[in-house]
PDB file of N, CA and C in Angstrom:
ATOM      1  N   MET A   1     115.484 123.488  69.953  1.00  0.00           N
ATOM      2  CA  MET A   1     116.764 123.938  70.708  1.00  0.00           C
ATOM      3  C   MET A   1     117.245 123.130  71.911  1.00  0.00           C
ATOM      4  N   THR A   2     116.158 122.392  72.479  1.00  0.00           N
ATOM      5  CA  THR A   2     116.411 121.348  73.408  1.00  0.00           C
ATOM      6  C   THR A   2     117.461 120.039  72.950  1.00  0.00           C
ATOM      7  N   ILE A   3     117.223 119.759  71.878  1.00  0.00           N
ATOM      8  CA  ILE A   3     117.874 119.004  71.502  1.00  0.00           C
ATOM      9  C   ILE A   3     119.605 119.382  71.393  1.00  0.00           C
ATOM     10  N   ALA A   4     119.598 120.838  70.658  1.00  0.00           N
ATOM     11  CA  ALA A   4     121.204 121.150  70.177  1.00  0.00           C
ATOM     12  C   ALA A   4     121.989 121.718  71.062  1.00  0.00           C
ATOM     13  N   LEU A   5     121.176 122.015  72.821  1.00  0.00           N
ATOM     14  CA  LEU A   5     122.098 122.471  73.685  1.00  0.00           C
ATOM     15  C   LEU A   5     121.928 121.205  74.744  1.00  0.00           C
ATOM     16  N   GLY A   6     121.340 120.101  74.706  1.00  0.00           N
ATOM     17  CA  GLY A   6     121.468 119.057  75.524  1.00  0.00           C
ATOM     18  C   GLY A   6     122.362 118.429  75.795  1.00  0.00           C
ATOM     19  N   LYS A   7     123.314 118.420  74.363  1.00  0.00           N
ATOM     20  CA  LYS A   7     124.826 117.704  74.685  1.00  0.00           C
ATOM     21  C   LYS A   7     125.716 118.622  75.370  1.00  0.00           C
ATOM     22  N   TYR A   8     125.358 119.717  75.610  1.00  0.00           N
ATOM     23  CA  TYR A   8     126.016 120.472  76.643  1.00  0.00           C
ATOM     24  C   TYR A   8     125.167 121.445  77.978  1.00  0.00           C
ATOM     25  N   ASN A   9     124.549 119.967  78.413  1.00  0.00           N
ATOM     26  CA  ASN A   9     123.677 119.758  79.788  1.00  0.00           C
ATOM     27  C   ASN A   9     122.981 120.965  80.034  1.00  0.00           C
ATOM     28  N   ILE A  10     122.801 121.834  78.948  1.00  0.00           N
ATOM     29  CA  ILE A  10     121.752 122.941  79.073  1.00  0.00           C
ATOM     30  C   ILE A  10     120.072 122.496  78.867  1.00  0.00           C
ATOM     31  N   LYS A  11     119.551 123.385  80.220  1.00  0.00           N
ATOM     32  CA  LYS A  11     118.225 122.703  79.958  1.00  0.00           C
ATOM     33  C   LYS A  11     117.097 123.829  79.477  1.00  0.00           C
ATOM     34  N   VAL A  12     115.761 123.669  78.707  1.00  0.00           N
ATOM     35  CA  VAL A  12     115.683 124.400  77.670  1.00  0.00           C
ATOM     36  C   VAL A  12     114.010 124.194  78.698  1.00  0.00           C
ATOM     37  N   ASN A  13     113.065 125.180  79.056  1.00  0.00           N
ATOM     38  CA  ASN A  13     112.187 125.124  79.635  1.00  0.00           C
ATOM     39  C   ASN A  13     111.496 126.166  79.132  1.00  0.00           C
ATOM     40  N   LEU A  14     110.564 126.284  78.894  1.00  0.00           N
ATOM     41  CA  LEU A  14     109.044 127.848  79.037  1.00  0.00           C
ATOM     42  C   LEU A  14     108.301 127.893  79.943  1.00  0.00           C
ATOM     43  N   VAL A  15     108.091 128.888  80.660  1.00  0.00           N
ATOM     44  CA  VAL A  15     107.904 129.131  81.331  1.00  0.00           C
ATOM     45  C   VAL A  15     106.420 130.367  81.011  1.00  0.00           C
ATOM     46  N   ALA A  16     104.947 130.091  80.769  1.00  0.00           N
ATOM     47  CA  ALA A  16     104.176 130.939  80.103  1.00  0.00           C
ATOM     48  C   ALA A  16     102.827 131.304  81.332  1.00  0.00           C
ATOM     49  N   PRO A  17     103.594 132.692  82.121  1.00  0.00           N
ATOM     50  CA  PRO A  17     102.513 132.921  83.097  1.00  0.00           C
ATOM     51  C   PRO A  17     101.034 133.861  82.015  1.00  0.00           C
ATOM     52  N   ASP A  18     100.177 133.982  82.997  1.00  0.00           N
ATOM     53  CA  ASP A  18      98.576 134.327  82.931  1.00  0.00           C
ATOM     54  C   ASP A  18      99.083 135.719  82.940  1.00  0.00           C
ATOM     55  N   ILE A  19      97.981 136.684  83.583  1.00  0.00           N
ATOM     56  CA  ILE A  19      97.951 137.997  84.336  1.00  0.00           C
ATOM     57  C   ILE A  19      98.223 137.726  85.602  1.00  0.00           C
ATOM     58  N   PHE A  20      98.947 138.267  86.182  1.00  0.00           N
ATOM     59  CA  PHE A  20      99.565 137.926  87.517  1.00  0.00           C
ATOM     60  C   PHE A  20      98.734 139.118  88.603  1.00  0.00           C
ATOM     61  N   LYS A  21      98.683 139.151  89.738  1.00  0.00           N
ATOM     62  CA  LYS A  21      98.355 140.366  90.568  1.00  0.00           C
ATOM     63  C   LYS A  21     100.305 141.112  91.028  1.00  0.00           C
ATOM     64  N   SER A  22     100.204 142.469  89.986  1.00  0.00           N
ATOM     65  CA  SER A  22     101.371 142.499  90.393  1.00  0.00           C
ATOM     66  C   SER A  22     101.055 143.893  90.411  1.00  0.00           C
ATOM     67  N   ALA A  23     102.151 144.994  90.649  1.00  0.00           N
ATOM     68  CA  ALA A  23     102.029 146.816  90.630  1.00  0.00           C
ATOM     69  C   ALA A  23     101.495 147.122  88.970  1.00  0.00           C
ATOM     70  N   ILE A  24     102.418 146.413  88.410  1.00  0.00           N
ATOM     71  CA  ILE A  24     101.784 146.291  86.709  1.00  0.00           C
ATOM     72  C   ILE A  24     100.664 146.271  86.092  1.00  0.00           C
ATOM     73  N   THR A  25      99.696 145.489  86.771  1.00  0.00           N
ATOM     74  CA  THR A  25      98.961 145.188  86.667  1.00  0.00           C
ATOM     75  C   THR A  25      97.617 145.650  87.467  1.00  0.00           C
ATOM     76  N   SER A  26      97.988 146.505  88.124  1.00  0.00           N
ATOM     77  CA  SER A  26      96.788 146.674  89.236  1.00  0.00           C
ATOM     78  C   SER A  26      95.751 147.840  88.712  1.00  0.00           C
ATOM     79  N   SER A  27      96.296 148.225  87.654  1.00  0.00           N
ATOM     80  CA  SER A  27      94.818 149.350  86.889  1.00  0.00           C
ATOM     81  C   SER A  27      94.147 148.219  86.492  1.00  0.00           C
ATOM     82  N   LEU A  28      94.527 147.385  85.931  1.00  0.00           N
ATOM     83  CA  LEU A  28      93.423 145.946  85.029  1.00  0.00           C
ATOM     84  C   LEU A  28      92.745 145.555  86.207  1.00  0.00           C
ATOM     85  N   LEU A  29      93.434 144.737  86.914  1.00  0.00           N
ATOM     86  CA  LEU A  29      92.566 144.045  87.944  1.00  0.00           C
ATOM     87  C   LEU A  29      91.759 144.681  88.645  1.00  0.00           C
ATOM     88  N   GLU A  30      91.489 146.184  88.687  1.00  0.00           N
ATOM     89  CA  GLU A  30      90.580 146.872  88.998  1.00  0.00           C
ATOM     90  C   GLU A  30      89.561 146.906  88.424  1.00  0.00           C
ATOM     91  N   LYS A  31      89.645 146.629  87.350  1.00  0.00           N
ATOM     92  CA  LYS A  31      88.111 146.228  86.347  1.00  0.00           C
ATOM     93  C   LYS A  31      87.117 145.461  86.729  1.00  0.00           C
ATOM     94  N   ASP A  32      86.141 145.861  87.197  1.00  0.00           N
ATOM     95  CA  ASP A  32      84.750 144.498  87.407  1.00  0.00           C
ATOM     96  C   ASP A  32      84.886 143.571  86.092  1.00  0.00           C
ATOM     97  N   TRP A  33      84.856 144.004  85.127  1.00  0.00           N
ATOM     98  CA  TRP A  33      84.412 142.589  83.839  1.00  0.00           C
ATOM     99  C   TRP A  33      85.834 141.747  84.259  1.00  0.00           C
ATOM    100  N   LEU A  34      87.323 141.891  84.568  1.00  0.00           N
ATOM    101  CA  LEU A  34      88.206 140.940  84.441  1.00  0.00           C
ATOM    102  C   LEU A  34      87.824 140.005  85.740  1.00  0.00           C
ATOM    103  N   ASP A  35      87.036 140.604  86.476  1.00  0.00           N
ATOM    104  CA  ASP A  35      86.782 139.829  87.692  1.00  0.00           C
ATOM    105  C   ASP A  35      85.936 138.724  87.570  1.00  0.00           C
ATOM    106  N   LYS A  36      84.376 139.097  86.511  1.00  0.00           N
ATOM    107  CA  LYS A  36      83.904 138.112  86.168  1.00  0.00           C
ATOM    108  C   LYS A  36      84.134 136.848  85.516  1.00  0.00           C
ATOM    109  N   VAL A  37      85.378 137.707  84.355  1.00  0.00           N
ATOM    110  CA  VAL A  37      85.944 136.937  83.524  1.00  0.00           C
ATOM    111  C   VAL A  37      86.248 135.711  84.002  1.00  0.00           C
ATOM    112  N   VAL A  38      87.422 136.229  85.148  1.00  0.00           N
ATOM    113  CA  VAL A  38      87.899 135.615  85.706  1.00  0.00           C
ATOM    114  C   VAL A  38      87.722 134.207  86.192  1.00  0.00           C
ATOM    115  N   LYS A  39      86.286 134.722  86.844  1.00  0.00           N
ATOM    116  CA  LYS A  39      85.161 133.657  87.374  1.00  0.00           C
ATOM    117  C   LYS A  39      84.368 132.732  86.896  1.00  0.00           C
ATOM    118  N   LYS A  40      83.953 133.056  85.526  1.00  0.00           N
ATOM    119  CA  LYS A  40      83.617 132.248  85.149  1.00  0.00           C
ATOM    120  C   LYS A  40      84.600 131.348  84.225  1.00  0.00           C
ATOM    121  N   THR A  41      85.865 131.856  83.911  1.00  0.00           N
ATOM    122  CA  THR A  41      86.220 130.736  82.956  1.00  0.00           C
ATOM    123  C   THR A  41      87.809 129.885  83.226  1.00  0.00           C
ATOM    124  N   TYR A  42      88.037 130.783  84.589  1.00  0.00           N
ATOM    125  CA  TYR A  42      89.287 130.033  85.422  1.00  0.00           C
ATOM    126  C   TYR A  42      88.830 128.982  86.164  1.00  0.00           C
ATOM    127  N   PRO A  43      89.295 127.778  86.045  1.00  0.00           N
ATOM    128  CA  PRO A  43      89.028 126.515  87.207  1.00  0.00           C
ATOM    129  C   PRO A  43      89.211 127.437  88.139  1.00  0.00           C
ATOM    130  N   LEU A  44      90.097 127.538  88.610  1.00  0.00           N
ATOM    131  CA  LEU A  44      90.664 127.613  90.229  1.00  0.00           C
ATOM    132  C   LEU A  44      89.752 129.620  90.503  1.00  0.00           C
ATOM    133  N   GLN A  45      89.215 129.884  89.594  1.00  0.00           N
ATOM    134  CA  GLN A  45      88.286 131.047  89.699  1.00  0.00           C
ATOM    135  C   GLN A  45      89.339 132.291  90.201  1.00  0.00           C
ATOM    136  N   THR A  46      90.655 132.738  90.123  1.00  0.00           N
ATOM    137  CA  THR A  46      91.422 133.572  90.903  1.00  0.00           C
ATOM    138  C   THR A  46      92.721 133.747  89.871  1.00  0.00           C
ATOM    139  N   LEU A  47      93.203 135.185  90.026  1.00  0.00           N
ATOM    140  CA  LEU A  47      94.579 135.169  89.856  1.00  0.00           C
ATOM    141  C   LEU A  47      95.298 135.356  90.490  1.00  0.00           C
ATOM    142  N   GLY A  48      96.968 134.627  90.347  1.00  0.00           N
ATOM    143  CA  GLY A  48      97.904 134.038  90.957  1.00  0.00           C
ATOM    144  C   GLY A  48      98.654 135.848  91.458  1.00  0.00           C
ATOM    145  N   THR A  49      99.650 135.453  92.486  1.00  0.00           N
ATOM    146  CA  THR A  49     100.698 136.296  92.625  1.00  0.00           C
ATOM    147  C   THR A  49     102.271 135.583  92.302  1.00  0.00           C
ATOM    148  N   THR A  50     102.668 136.692  91.640  1.00  0.00           N
ATOM    149  CA  THR A  50     104.146 136.265  91.118  1.00  0.00           C
ATOM    150  C   THR A  50     104.820 135.014  92.146  1.00  0.00           C
ATOM    151  N   ASP A  51     104.645 135.425  93.332  1.00  0.00           N
ATOM    152  CA  ASP A  51     105.519 134.811  94.497  1.00  0.00           C
ATOM    153  C   ASP A  51     104.081 133.720  95.610  1.00  0.00           C
ATOM    154  N   PRO A  52     103.958 133.151  95.530  1.00  0.00           N
ATOM    155  CA  PRO A  52     105.241 131.595  94.741  1.00  0.00           C
ATOM    156  C   PRO A  52     104.997 131.544  93.443  1.00  0.00           C
ATOM    157  N   ALA A  53     103.374 131.670  93.121  1.00  0.00           N
ATOM    158  CA  ALA A  53     103.030 130.597  91.733  1.00  0.00           C
ATOM    159  C   ALA A  53     104.387 131.120  90.728  1.00  0.00           C
ATOM    160  N   LEU A  54     104.780 131.963  90.666  1.00  0.00           N
ATOM    161  CA  LEU A  54     105.484 131.691  89.313  1.00  0.00           C
ATOM    162  C   LEU A  54     107.420 131.462  90.318  1.00  0.00           C
ATOM    163  N   THR A  55     107.901 132.205  91.122  1.00  0.00           N
ATOM    164  CA  THR A  55     108.795 132.354  91.491  1.00  0.00           C
ATOM    165  C   THR A  55     109.637 130.614  92.141  1.00  0.00           C
ATOM    166  N   SER A  56     108.045 130.346  92.368  1.00  0.00           N
ATOM    167  CA  SER A  56     108.770 128.596  92.838  1.00  0.00           C
ATOM    168  C   SER A  56     109.011 127.845  91.908  1.00  0.00           C
ATOM    169  N   LEU A  57     108.261 127.834  91.078  1.00  0.00           N
ATOM    170  CA  LEU A  57     108.340 127.122  90.233  1.00  0.00           C
ATOM    171  C   LEU A  57     109.787 127.262  89.092  1.00  0.00           C
ATOM    172  N   ILE A  58     110.072 128.620  88.976  1.00  0.00           N
ATOM    173  CA  ILE A  58     111.860 129.293  88.329  1.00  0.00           C
ATOM    174  C   ILE A  58     112.759 128.576  88.920  1.00  0.00           C
ATOM    175  N   VAL A  59     112.699 129.019  90.388  1.00  0.00           N
ATOM    176  CA  VAL A  59     113.756 128.339  91.622  1.00  0.00           C
ATOM    177  C   VAL A  59     113.800 126.752  91.678  1.00  0.00           C
ATOM    178  N   TYR A  60     112.917 126.380  91.332  1.00  0.00           N
ATOM    179  CA  TYR A  60     112.455 124.746  90.729  1.00  0.00           C
ATOM    180  C   TYR A  60     113.717 124.491  89.843  1.00  0.00           C
ATOM    181  N   LEU A  61     113.270 124.934  88.471  1.00  0.00           N
ATOM    182  CA  LEU A  61     113.594 124.704  87.045  1.00  0.00           C
ATOM    183  C   LEU A  61     115.206 125.338  87.179  1.00  0.00           C
ATOM    184  N   ILE A  62     115.499 125.998  87.721  1.00  0.00           N
ATOM    185  CA  ILE A  62     117.094 126.554  88.218  1.00  0.00           C
ATOM    186  C   ILE A  62     118.257 125.853  89.055  1.00  0.00           C
ATOM    187  N   GLY A  63     117.137 125.378  89.854  1.00  0.00           N
ATOM    188  CA  GLY A  63     117.944 123.932  90.737  1.00  0.00           C
ATOM    189  C   GLY A  63     118.132 122.983  90.358  1.00  0.00           C
ATOM    190  N   ASP A  64     119.268 122.369  91.469  1.00  0.00           N
ATOM    191  CA  ASP A  64     119.720 120.577  90.719  1.00  0.00           C
ATOM    192  C   ASP A  64     118.205 119.553  90.577  1.00  0.00           C
ATOM    193  N   ASP A  65     117.247 120.172  91.674  1.00  0.00           N
ATOM    194  CA  ASP A  65     116.407 119.014  91.283  1.00  0.00           C
ATOM    195  C   ASP A  65     115.806 119.075  90.322  1.00  0.00           C
ATOM    196  N   SER A  66     115.770 119.799  89.295  1.00  0.00           N
ATOM    197  CA  SER A  66     115.146 119.435  88.064  1.00  0.00           C
ATOM    198  C   SER A  66     116.130 119.179  86.992  1.00  0.00           C
ATOM    199  N   ASN A  67     117.378 118.269  87.199  1.00  0.00           N
ATOM    200  CA  ASN A  67     118.160 117.843  86.411  1.00  0.00           C
ATOM    201  C   ASN A  67     117.389 116.784  85.143  1.00  0.00           C
ATOM    202  N   TYR A  68     116.520 116.564  84.934  1.00  0.00           N
ATOM    203  CA  TYR A  68     116.411 115.768  84.050  1.00  0.00           C
ATOM    204  C   TYR A  68     114.690 116.413  83.766  1.00  0.00           C
ATOM    205  N   VAL A  69     114.533 117.826  83.765  1.00  0.00           N
ATOM    206  CA  VAL A  69     113.749 118.198  83.275  1.00  0.00           C
ATOM    207  C   VAL A  69     114.618 119.733  82.138  1.00  0.00           C
ATOM    208  N   THR A  70     113.516 118.981  81.046  1.00  0.00           N
ATOM    209  CA  THR A  70     113.853 120.082  80.105  1.00  0.00           C
ATOM    210  C   THR A  70     113.176 119.337  78.632  1.00  0.00           C
ATOM    211  N   GLY A  71     112.871 120.515  77.964  1.00  0.00           N
ATOM    212  CA  GLY A  71     111.764 120.715  76.738  1.00  0.00           C
ATOM    213  C   GLY A  71     110.581 120.746  77.321  1.00  0.00           C
ATOM    214  N   ASN A  72     109.933 121.724  78.241  1.00  0.00           N
ATOM    215  CA  ASN A  72     109.216 121.356  78.487  1.00  0.00           C
ATOM    216  C   ASN A  72     108.007 122.676  78.622  1.00  0.00           C
ATOM    217  N   ALA A  73     106.828 123.001  78.671  1.00  0.00           N
ATOM    218  CA  ALA A  73     106.065 124.573  78.623  1.00  0.00           C
ATOM    219  C   ALA A  73     105.545 124.485  79.899  1.00  0.00           C
ATOM    220  N   PHE A  74     105.451 125.049  80.491  1.00  0.00           N
ATOM    221  CA  PHE A  74     104.857 125.299  81.781  1.00  0.00           C
ATOM    222  C   PHE A  74     103.907 126.417  81.564  1.00  0.00           C
ATOM    223  N   VAL A  75     102.534 125.870  81.666  1.00  0.00           N
ATOM    224  CA  VAL A  75     101.756 127.117  82.068  1.00  0.00           C
ATOM    225  C   VAL A  75     100.869 127.334  83.279  1.00  0.00           C
ATOM    226  N   VAL A  76     101.133 128.743  83.846  1.00  0.00           N
ATOM    227  CA  VAL A  76     100.758 128.850  84.877  1.00  0.00           C
ATOM    228  C   VAL A  76      99.726 130.225  84.887  1.00  0.00           C
ATOM    229  N   ASP A  77      98.448 129.497  84.845  1.00  0.00           N
ATOM    230  CA  ASP A  77      97.113 130.837  84.552  1.00  0.00           C
ATOM    231  C   ASP A  77      95.834 130.174  85.358  1.00  0.00           C
ATOM    232  N   SER A  78      96.298 129.148  85.972  1.00  0.00           N
ATOM    233  CA  SER A  78      95.241 129.305  87.087  1.00  0.00           C
ATOM    234  C   SER A  78      93.707 128.564  86.473  1.00  0.00           C
ATOM    235  N   GLY A  79      94.656 127.611  85.212  1.00  0.00           N
ATOM    236  CA  GLY A  79      93.417 126.745  84.295  1.00  0.00           C
ATOM    237  C   GLY A  79      92.943 127.326  83.195  1.00  0.00           C
ATOM    238  N   GLY A  80      92.928 128.440  82.966  1.00  0.00           N
ATOM    239  CA  GLY A  80      92.427 129.406  81.969  1.00  0.00           C
ATOM    240  C   GLY A  80      92.964 128.836  80.698  1.00  0.00           C
ATOM    241  N   ALA A  81      94.022 128.252  80.097  1.00  0.00           N
ATOM    242  CA  ALA A  81      93.987 127.377  78.610  1.00  0.00           C
ATOM    243  C   ALA A  81      93.491 126.440  78.469  1.00  0.00           C
ATOM    244  N   LEU A  82      92.873 125.700  79.687  1.00  0.00           N
ATOM    245  CA  LEU A  82      92.349 123.998  79.758  1.00  0.00           C
ATOM    246  C   LEU A  82      91.345 124.596  78.265  1.00  0.00           C
ATOM    247  N   ALA A  83      92.109 122.668  77.916  1.00  0.00           N
ATOM    248  CA  ALA A  83      90.487 122.671  76.912  1.00  0.00           C
ATOM    249  C   ALA A  83      89.375 122.803  77.519  1.00  0.00           C
ATOM    250  N   GLY A  84      88.097 122.850  76.987  1.00  0.00           N
ATOM    251  CA  GLY A  84      86.744 123.057  77.686  1.00  0.00           C
ATOM    252  C   GLY A  84      86.434 124.164  78.360  1.00  0.00           C
ATOM    253  N   VAL A  85      87.085 125.156  79.015  1.00  0.00           N
ATOM    254  CA  VAL A  85      86.653 126.202  79.435  1.00  0.00           C
ATOM    255  C   VAL A  85      86.211 127.242  78.418  1.00  0.00           C
ATOM    256  N   PRO A  86      84.883 127.801  79.243  1.00  0.00           N
ATOM    257  CA  PRO A  86      84.494 128.820  78.416  1.00  0.00           C
ATOM    258  C   PRO A  86      85.438 129.885  77.956  1.00  0.00           C
ATOM    259  N   ILE A  87      84.989 130.321  76.229  1.00  0.00           N
ATOM    260  CA  ILE A  87      86.047 131.749  75.959  1.00  0.00           C
ATOM    261  C   ILE A  87      85.339 132.808  76.126  1.00  0.00           C
ATOM    262  N   TYR A  88      85.826 134.026  75.913  1.00  0.00           N
ATOM    263  CA  TYR A  88      85.010 135.095  76.577  1.00  0.00           C
ATOM    264  C   TYR A  88      83.940 135.375  75.556  1.00  0.00           C
ATOM    265  N   SER A  89      84.252 135.307  74.715  1.00  0.00           N
ATOM    266  CA  SER A  89      82.667 135.733  73.519  1.00  0.00           C
ATOM    267  C   SER A  89      81.698 134.783  74.213  1.00  0.00           C
ATOM    268  N   SER A  90      81.593 133.783  74.945  1.00  0.00           N
ATOM    269  CA  SER A  90      80.663 133.002  75.256  1.00  0.00           C
ATOM    270  C   SER A  90      79.735 133.312  76.977  1.00  0.00           C
ATOM    271  N   LEU A  91      80.494 134.316  76.956  1.00  0.00           N
ATOM    272  CA  LEU A  91      80.331 135.102  78.485  1.00  0.00           C
ATOM    273  C   LEU A  91      78.705 136.127  78.245  1.00  0.00           C
TER     274      LEU A  91
END
């Protein structure tokens, strides 16, 4: 898609968020087991909030400062998807 749309000066990027603190996830985030999983498997040991973690990235991507940025996947997950992070079954 990036190649096909690039000739029209259209940027294509992917933002892949993990669980964020929000009204939608509040009941899930109250679970003790989730806090334990995050502390044992996420390098930053916390879950983010949509603002500024996601909003600042999206503002950057739609702004003029990112004119040279296309064809990328931005994983916003406190490091949870990194290779070498313990998997849930090992807890």
